[in-house]
Amino acid sequence: MIDRSAFLSDVVGVRGRGRPRNPAPAPESLRHQLDTAAVDLKQRQAQKLEIENAKRLGELLPVEEVRATWGQMVIDLRQAILAIPSRITGLSRAQMVQLDAELREALGEISRDRA
């Protein structure tokens, strides 16, 4: 047979003379935690709603589309930069080779910095 008094004392946390084992949290701190959690929840719900509205209005683009577009832009820019030496008139062959090497080195540095 279970001693109900002892069982309740263990569950409730009462130890002799009715004193709790651990003091209960102050109502203000519990209230503050609940209020903070409620504010946080409201902010997250508002952010979610803003994102959903932006998607619906077409203000957000899919990541894949942005990556593809920017990737092609970078390729086009690289090709345009590397074409510069051949478009400049009045350069000797040695100057054209040197300019091409400098442009390739600069593009390589940018690529290495990103990696």
Protein backbone atom coordinates (compact mmCIF):
# COMPACT_ATOMS: atom_id res chain seq x y z
CA MET A 1 0.00 0.00 0.00
CA ILE A 2 1.25 3.50 -0.90
CA ASP A 3 1.59 6.14 1.76
CA ARG A 4 -0.39 8.96 0.14
CA SER A 5 1.02 11.61 2.40
CA ALA A 6 4.61 10.68 1.54
CA PHE A 7 3.76 10.39 -2.15
CA LEU A 8 2.14 13.83 -2.24
CA SER A 9 5.04 15.32 -0.32
CA ASP A 10 7.44 13.96 -2.95
CA VAL A 11 5.30 15.14 -5.88
CA VAL A 12 4.42 18.54 -4.49
CA GLY A 13 7.81 19.09 -2.98
CA VAL A 14 6.75 19.74 0.59
CA ARG A 15 9.25 18.92 3.30
CA GLY A 16 8.25 18.90 6.97
CA ARG A 17 6.19 21.72 8.47
CA GLY A 18 4.73 22.55 5.02
CA ARG A 19 7.78 24.34 3.62
CA PRO A 20 8.49 23.81 -0.06
CA ARG A 21 11.77 22.13 -0.99
CA ASN A 22 12.64 24.81 -3.51
CA PRO A 23 11.18 28.28 -3.47
CA ALA A 24 8.64 28.88 -6.20
CA PRO A 25 9.68 31.35 -8.91
CA ALA A 26 8.60 34.90 -8.25
CA PRO A 27 5.33 35.64 -10.06
CA GLU A 28 6.90 38.72 -11.66
CA SER A 29 9.70 36.72 -13.28
CA LEU A 30 7.28 34.08 -14.54
CA ARG A 31 4.99 36.80 -15.86
CA HIS A 32 7.98 38.50 -17.49
CA GLN A 33 9.01 35.24 -19.17
CA LEU A 34 5.49 34.69 -20.46
CA ASP A 35 5.26 38.25 -21.74
CA THR A 36 8.65 37.97 -23.45
CA ALA A 37 7.64 34.68 -25.06
CA ALA A 38 4.38 36.20 -26.27
CA VAL A 39 6.15 39.20 -27.79
CA ASP A 40 8.69 36.91 -29.48
CA LEU A 41 5.89 34.77 -30.89
CA LYS A 42 4.06 37.83 -32.24
CA GLN A 43 7.25 39.12 -33.88
CA ARG A 44 7.92 35.76 -35.55
CA GLN A 45 4.33 35.55 -36.76
CA ALA A 46 4.60 39.07 -38.20
CA GLN A 47 7.87 38.19 -39.98
CA LYS A 48 6.30 35.05 -41.42
CA LEU A 49 3.33 37.07 -42.66
CA GLU A 50 5.62 39.67 -44.25
CA ILE A 51 7.52 36.94 -46.12
CA GLU A 52 4.30 35.31 -47.30
CA ASN A 53 2.97 38.68 -48.51
CA ALA A 54 6.21 39.48 -50.31
CA LYS A 55 6.13 36.08 -52.05
CA ARG A 56 2.51 36.59 -53.05
CA LEU A 57 3.27 40.07 -54.45
CA GLY A 58 6.29 38.77 -56.37
CA GLU A 59 8.76 40.85 -54.36
CA LEU A 60 10.93 37.82 -53.57
CA LEU A 61 12.77 35.76 -56.15
CA PRO A 62 13.67 32.09 -55.95
CA VAL A 63 17.28 31.52 -54.90
CA GLU A 64 17.98 29.36 -57.96
CA GLU A 65 16.86 32.14 -60.30
CA VAL A 66 19.06 34.72 -58.57
CA ARG A 67 22.09 32.39 -58.63
CA ALA A 68 21.64 31.60 -62.31
CA THR A 69 21.22 35.27 -63.27
CA TRP A 70 24.21 36.47 -61.25
CA GLY A 71 26.32 33.55 -62.43
CA GLN A 72 25.67 34.48 -66.06
CA MET A 73 26.36 38.16 -65.32
CA VAL A 74 29.74 37.27 -63.80
CA ILE A 75 30.64 35.12 -66.83
CA ASP A 76 29.64 37.95 -69.20
CA LEU A 77 31.67 40.48 -67.19
CA ARG A 78 34.75 38.23 -67.21
CA GLN A 79 34.51 37.77 -70.97
CA ALA A 80 34.13 41.53 -71.50
CA ILE A 81 37.16 42.27 -69.32
CA LEU A 82 39.30 39.68 -71.11
CA ALA A 83 38.31 41.17 -74.49
CA ILE A 84 39.66 44.62 -73.57
CA PRO A 85 43.28 44.10 -74.75
CA SER A 86 42.20 43.10 -78.26
CA ARG A 87 39.96 46.18 -78.59
CA ILE A 88 42.64 48.71 -77.66
CA THR A 89 44.37 50.07 -80.73
CA GLY A 90 47.97 51.15 -80.74
CA LEU A 91 49.27 48.49 -78.34
CA SER A 92 52.25 46.39 -79.29
CA ARG A 93 51.90 42.65 -79.12
CA ALA A 94 54.01 42.62 -75.92
CA GLN A 95 51.82 45.30 -74.30
CA MET A 96 48.67 43.39 -75.25
CA VAL A 97 50.06 40.19 -73.72
CA GLN A 98 51.11 42.05 -70.57
CA LEU A 99 47.68 43.71 -70.20
CA ASP A 100 45.94 40.37 -70.75
CA ALA A 101 48.14 38.76 -68.09
CA GLU A 102 47.39 41.56 -65.61
CA LEU A 103 43.65 41.30 -66.20
CA ARG A 104 43.72 37.53 -65.79
CA GLU A 105 45.76 37.87 -62.60
CA ALA A 106 43.26 40.38 -61.16
CA LEU A 107 40.33 38.10 -62.01
CA GLY A 108 42.20 35.17 -60.48
CA GLU A 109 42.78 37.10 -57.25
CA ILE A 110 39.09 37.92 -57.02
CA SER A 111 38.25 34.26 -57.58
CA ARG A 112 40.74 33.08 -54.95
CA ASP A 113 39.50 35.63 -52.39
CA ARG A 114 35.95 34.35 -52.82
CA ALA A 115 36.88 30.67 -52.42
